[in-house]
Protein backbone atom coordinates (compact mmCIF):
# COMPACT_ATOMS: atom_id res chain seq x y z
CA MET A 1 3.92 -4.75 18.01
CA ILE A 2 6.67 -1.99 17.31
CA THR A 3 5.71 0.15 14.40
CA TYR A 4 8.24 2.07 12.34
CA THR A 5 7.68 4.35 9.46
CA THR A 6 9.71 7.24 7.63
CA CYS A 7 9.78 10.70 9.21
CA ARG A 8 8.01 13.10 6.66
CA ASP A 9 10.50 15.82 7.51
CA CYS A 10 13.90 14.44 8.03
CA GLY A 11 13.44 11.05 6.24
CA GLY A 12 14.82 9.16 9.29
CA LEU A 13 13.56 6.11 10.92
CA LEU A 14 10.47 7.01 13.17
CA HIS A 15 9.01 4.73 15.76
CA THR A 16 5.37 5.79 15.47
CA THR A 17 2.78 5.67 18.04
CA ASP A 18 -0.79 6.97 17.66
CA GLY A 19 -0.27 7.99 14.06
CA ASP A 20 2.96 9.97 14.47
CA THR A 21 4.25 11.26 11.09
CA VAL A 22 7.40 13.15 12.23
CA HIS A 23 9.78 13.17 15.17
CA PRO A 24 8.95 15.45 18.05
CA LEU A 25 11.52 18.12 16.99
CA CYS A 26 10.82 17.85 13.35
CA THR A 27 8.37 20.14 11.31
CA PRO A 28 4.93 18.72 10.60
CA LYS A 29 4.33 17.87 6.95
CA PRO A 30 0.62 17.30 6.38
CA THR A 31 -0.48 16.05 2.94
CA ARG A 32 -2.71 18.19 0.90
CA VAL A 33 -5.72 16.21 1.76
CA GLU A 34 -4.86 16.47 5.62
CA GLN A 35 -4.52 20.22 5.30
CA LEU A 36 -7.96 20.53 3.53
CA ALA A 37 -9.49 18.25 6.20
CA GLN A 38 -8.15 20.51 8.92
CA GLN A 39 -9.54 23.58 7.14
CA TRP A 40 -12.83 21.74 6.55
CA LEU A 41 -13.12 20.82 10.23
CA ALA A 42 -12.51 24.44 11.25
CA ALA A 43 -15.18 25.64 8.88
CA ALA A 44 -17.65 23.24 10.16
CA LEU A 45 -16.98 24.31 13.75
CA ASN A 46 -17.28 27.94 12.74
CA GLY A 47 -20.56 27.29 11.02
CA ASP A 48 -19.22 28.48 7.63
CA ALA A 49 -21.39 26.35 5.39
CA ALA A 50 -20.18 27.63 2.25
CA LEU A 51 -16.54 27.06 2.96
CA GLU A 52 -17.34 23.79 4.30
CA ALA A 53 -18.99 22.59 1.09
CA GLU A 54 -16.18 24.09 -1.09
CA LEU A 55 -13.52 22.27 0.97
CA HIS A 56 -15.54 18.99 0.82
CA THR A 57 -15.75 19.35 -3.03
CA ARG A 58 -11.93 19.89 -3.23
CA ILE A 59 -11.23 16.72 -1.01
CA GLU A 60 -13.59 14.73 -3.03
CA ASP A 61 -11.86 15.82 -6.28
CA ILE A 62 -8.59 14.72 -4.82
CA ASP A 63 -9.95 11.37 -3.60
CA ASN A 64 -11.49 10.60 -7.02
CA ARG A 65 -8.41 11.18 -9.05
CA ALA A 66 -7.00 8.17 -10.93
CA PRO A 67 -3.98 6.59 -9.09
CA ARG A 68 -0.60 7.51 -10.32
CA LEU A 69 0.50 4.01 -10.84
CA LEU A 70 3.47 4.75 -13.03
CA ASP A 71 4.86 7.28 -10.57
CA ALA A 72 4.33 4.81 -7.67
CA ALA A 73 6.10 2.04 -9.57
CA LEU A 74 9.15 4.23 -10.43
CA LEU A 75 9.41 5.30 -6.81
CA TYR A 76 9.57 1.67 -5.60
CA ALA A 77 12.18 0.96 -8.15
CA SER A 78 14.18 4.08 -6.92
CA TRP A 79 14.19 2.40 -3.48
CA GLY A 80 15.55 -0.86 -5.02
CA TRP A 81 12.21 -2.75 -4.94
CA PRO A 82 11.54 -4.63 -8.20
CA VAL A 83 8.04 -4.30 -9.49
CA PHE A 84 5.94 -5.96 -12.18
CA PRO A 85 2.54 -5.23 -13.67
CA LEU A 86 -0.70 -7.00 -12.66
CA LEU A 87 -3.58 -7.29 -15.10
CA PRO A 88 -4.68 -4.10 -16.38
CA LEU A 89 -7.83 -3.00 -14.58
CA ALA A 90 -10.17 -2.86 -17.71
CA ARG A 91 -8.98 -6.36 -18.78
CA ALA A 92 -9.53 -7.80 -15.24
CA ALA A 93 -13.13 -6.40 -15.25
CA THR A 94 -13.87 -8.01 -18.51
CA ILE A 95 -12.48 -11.46 -17.37
CA ALA A 96 -14.33 -11.23 -14.11
CA HIS A 97 -17.67 -10.45 -16.00
CA GLN A 98 -17.05 -13.37 -18.39
CA THR A 99 -16.18 -15.93 -15.75
CA GLY A 100 -18.19 -14.65 -12.70
CA GLU A 101 -14.94 -14.45 -10.62
CA PRO A 102 -14.73 -11.58 -8.15
CA ILE A 103 -12.70 -8.70 -9.74
CA SER A 104 -10.80 -8.59 -6.34
CA LYS A 105 -9.31 -12.03 -7.34
CA VAL A 106 -8.72 -11.48 -10.94
CA ALA A 107 -7.00 -8.07 -10.52
CA LYS A 108 -4.28 -9.57 -8.47
CA ARG A 109 -3.08 -11.72 -11.37
CA PRO A 110 0.25 -10.87 -13.09
CA ALA A 111 0.22 -9.45 -16.51
CA THR A 112 3.49 -10.93 -17.50
CA ARG A 113 4.19 -14.56 -18.48
CA ASN A 114 6.55 -15.17 -15.51
CA GLY A 115 4.70 -13.09 -13.05
CA PHE A 116 6.88 -12.01 -10.09
CA LYS A 117 9.90 -13.47 -11.73
CA ASP A 118 9.74 -10.68 -14.31
CA ALA A 119 10.03 -8.02 -11.49
CA THR A 120 12.51 -5.35 -12.18
CA ALA A 121 13.84 -2.09 -10.89
CA ASP A 122 14.76 -0.89 -14.45
CA PRO A 123 12.93 2.42 -14.96
CA ASP A 124 12.74 2.02 -18.86
CA ARG A 125 11.26 -1.36 -18.57
CA ILE A 126 8.78 -0.04 -15.96
CA ARG A 127 7.75 2.94 -18.24
CA ALA A 128 7.21 0.69 -21.11
CA TRP A 129 4.93 -1.55 -19.10
CA TRP A 130 2.83 1.23 -17.75
CA THR A 131 2.88 3.35 -20.84
CA ARG A 132 1.28 0.38 -22.66
CA HIS A 133 -1.11 -0.37 -19.93
CA PRO A 134 -1.48 2.71 -17.55
CA ASP A 135 -4.13 1.02 -15.52
CA SER A 136 -2.12 -1.99 -14.49
CA ASN A 137 -1.88 -2.39 -10.71
CA ILE A 138 1.50 -2.88 -9.20
CA GLY A 139 2.96 -6.22 -7.86
CA LEU A 140 5.83 -6.31 -5.33
CA PRO A 141 7.68 -9.60 -4.81
CA THR A 142 8.17 -10.47 -1.18
CA GLY A 143 11.10 -12.27 0.35
CA LEU A 144 13.65 -9.56 -0.88
CA ALA A 145 13.34 -6.33 0.86
CA PHE A 146 10.68 -7.39 3.06
CA ASP A 147 8.04 -10.18 3.93
CA VAL A 148 4.33 -9.39 4.34
CA ILE A 149 1.94 -10.60 7.06
CA ASP A 150 -1.42 -10.58 5.15
CA VAL A 151 -4.51 -10.16 7.47
CA ASP A 152 -7.89 -10.62 6.00
CA PRO A 153 -11.21 -9.68 7.55
CA PRO A 154 -13.35 -10.91 9.17
CA ASP A 155 -11.52 -13.95 10.56
CA GLY A 156 -8.20 -12.05 10.62
CA ILE A 157 -9.37 -9.24 13.03
CA PRO A 158 -8.93 -11.09 16.22
CA SER A 159 -5.56 -12.31 14.93
CA TYR A 160 -4.59 -8.81 14.10
CA LEU A 161 -5.40 -7.75 17.60
CA ALA A 162 -3.17 -10.47 18.90
CA LEU A 163 -0.45 -9.46 16.59
CA LEU A 164 -0.62 -5.90 17.81
CA GLY A 165 0.10 -7.33 21.36
CA GLN A 166 3.29 -9.02 20.38
CA GLN A 167 6.04 -6.87 21.55
CA ASP A 168 8.86 -8.84 19.41
CA LEU A 169 6.97 -8.15 16.11
CA GLN A 170 8.41 -5.17 14.24
CA SER A 171 6.35 -3.64 11.44
CA HIS A 172 8.24 -1.49 8.99
CA GLY A 173 5.10 -0.47 6.77
CA ARG A 174 1.44 -1.05 6.92
CA VAL A 175 -1.04 -1.15 4.06
CA THR A 176 -4.77 -1.04 4.19
CA THR A 177 -5.99 -3.44 1.48
CA SER A 178 -9.04 -3.12 -0.90
CA SER A 179 -10.85 -5.67 1.20
CA GLY A 180 -10.37 -3.60 4.45
CA GLY A 181 -7.52 -5.95 5.62
CA THR A 182 -4.03 -5.10 6.42
CA HIS A 183 -0.52 -5.85 5.01
CA LEU A 184 2.14 -5.70 7.66
CA TYR A 185 5.67 -5.23 6.10
CA VAL A 186 8.31 -7.06 8.10
CA LEU A 187 11.95 -7.73 7.63
CA PRO A 188 12.68 -10.62 5.32
CA THR A 189 13.26 -14.02 7.08
CA GLY A 190 14.00 -16.35 4.27
CA ARG A 191 10.62 -18.14 4.91
CA GLY A 192 8.45 -19.10 2.00
CA ASN A 193 4.70 -18.53 1.82
CA SER A 194 2.36 -20.09 4.24
CA SER A 195 -1.41 -20.01 4.51
CA ARG A 196 -3.50 -19.64 7.77
CA THR A 197 -0.55 -19.14 10.10
CA MET A 198 -3.28 -17.70 12.30
CA PRO A 199 -7.14 -17.51 11.40
CA GLY A 200 -7.30 -15.12 8.65
CA VAL A 201 -3.64 -14.53 8.35
CA ASP A 202 -1.28 -15.66 5.50
CA TYR A 203 2.55 -15.08 5.29
CA ARG A 204 4.05 -13.91 2.08
CA GLY A 205 7.80 -14.60 1.85
CA ALA A 206 10.24 -15.98 -0.63
CA GLY A 207 8.37 -16.96 -3.89
CA GLY A 208 5.34 -14.67 -3.16
CA TYR A 209 4.18 -11.18 -3.94
CA VAL A 210 1.63 -8.65 -2.80
CA VAL A 211 -0.34 -5.84 -4.45
CA ALA A 212 1.15 -2.39 -3.69
CA PRO A 213 -0.49 1.04 -3.17
CA PRO A 214 -1.93 2.81 -4.99
CA SER A 215 -3.25 -0.13 -6.77
CA THR A 216 -7.14 -0.04 -7.07
CA LEU A 217 -10.30 -2.04 -8.02
CA GLY A 218 -11.78 0.97 -9.67
CA THR A 219 -14.31 2.04 -7.16
CA ARG A 220 -13.79 4.50 -4.21
CA GLY A 221 -12.78 2.67 -0.97
CA ARG A 222 -11.44 -0.44 -3.05
CA SER A 223 -7.82 0.27 -3.16
CA TRP A 224 -4.51 -0.25 -1.30
CA GLN A 225 -3.13 2.57 0.59
CA TRP A 226 -0.16 3.25 2.92
CA SER A 227 -1.32 3.49 6.53
CA ASP A 228 2.27 3.66 7.57
CA ARG A 229 4.74 4.48 4.92
CA PRO A 230 7.74 2.04 4.63
CA SER A 231 10.59 2.78 7.05
CA PRO A 232 14.15 3.54 5.84
CA THR A 233 15.14 0.10 7.18
CA ILE A 234 13.46 -1.95 4.45
CA ILE A 235 14.44 0.63 1.84
CA GLU A 236 17.92 0.45 2.81
CA VAL A 237 17.85 -3.47 2.86
CA ALA A 238 16.96 -3.35 -0.75
CA ARG A 239 19.59 -0.81 -1.61
CA GLY A 240 22.17 -2.68 0.13
């Protein structure tokens, strides 16, 4: 599989291998957490227990902050990706408690009557949605700027390894899901949704949607996070 992302420095298309985040001649742009993690490692290697503890606390504080869902929704919209709100987390938790359904299932339900058909890139409407319910997770329709290969553990792990070996497959963004699975963002094909294309693998195309980062189930480790940020290719497809 060929994996593309966006260079953190120049913003261009980056063929990433081994977690590269910038082109070889570009300036590294580590995130704040990455900078703190590097400092923490240095403190640990130097035996500076006090600094190590301080840096660990600062990293924990950042990791435990509430996700900036409105900001993320507006960013996607600025890329030309329409968004729509999923059930507010507090409401999803109440429904899950009342029905016995797993919150991981309930929290993926649309909050609007028409679901992904209500998706929009209008910033005013997006602000209205998330101002009313700031803990609403984010839904992204598939089949427009991208399709998504949805890999769920544990059955999907061998399938995912097989996908990695497919040299004709191009990924333009990769998300780690709340279940520990993977969403591979690929160019739209016009295909619809299909289940079990491989063991543990579903395909999200026209008429489907996925949960977008930084959506969360409310507990640490149960969120959607970009492993490889979207490449300029699928952003430009949307804008075009």
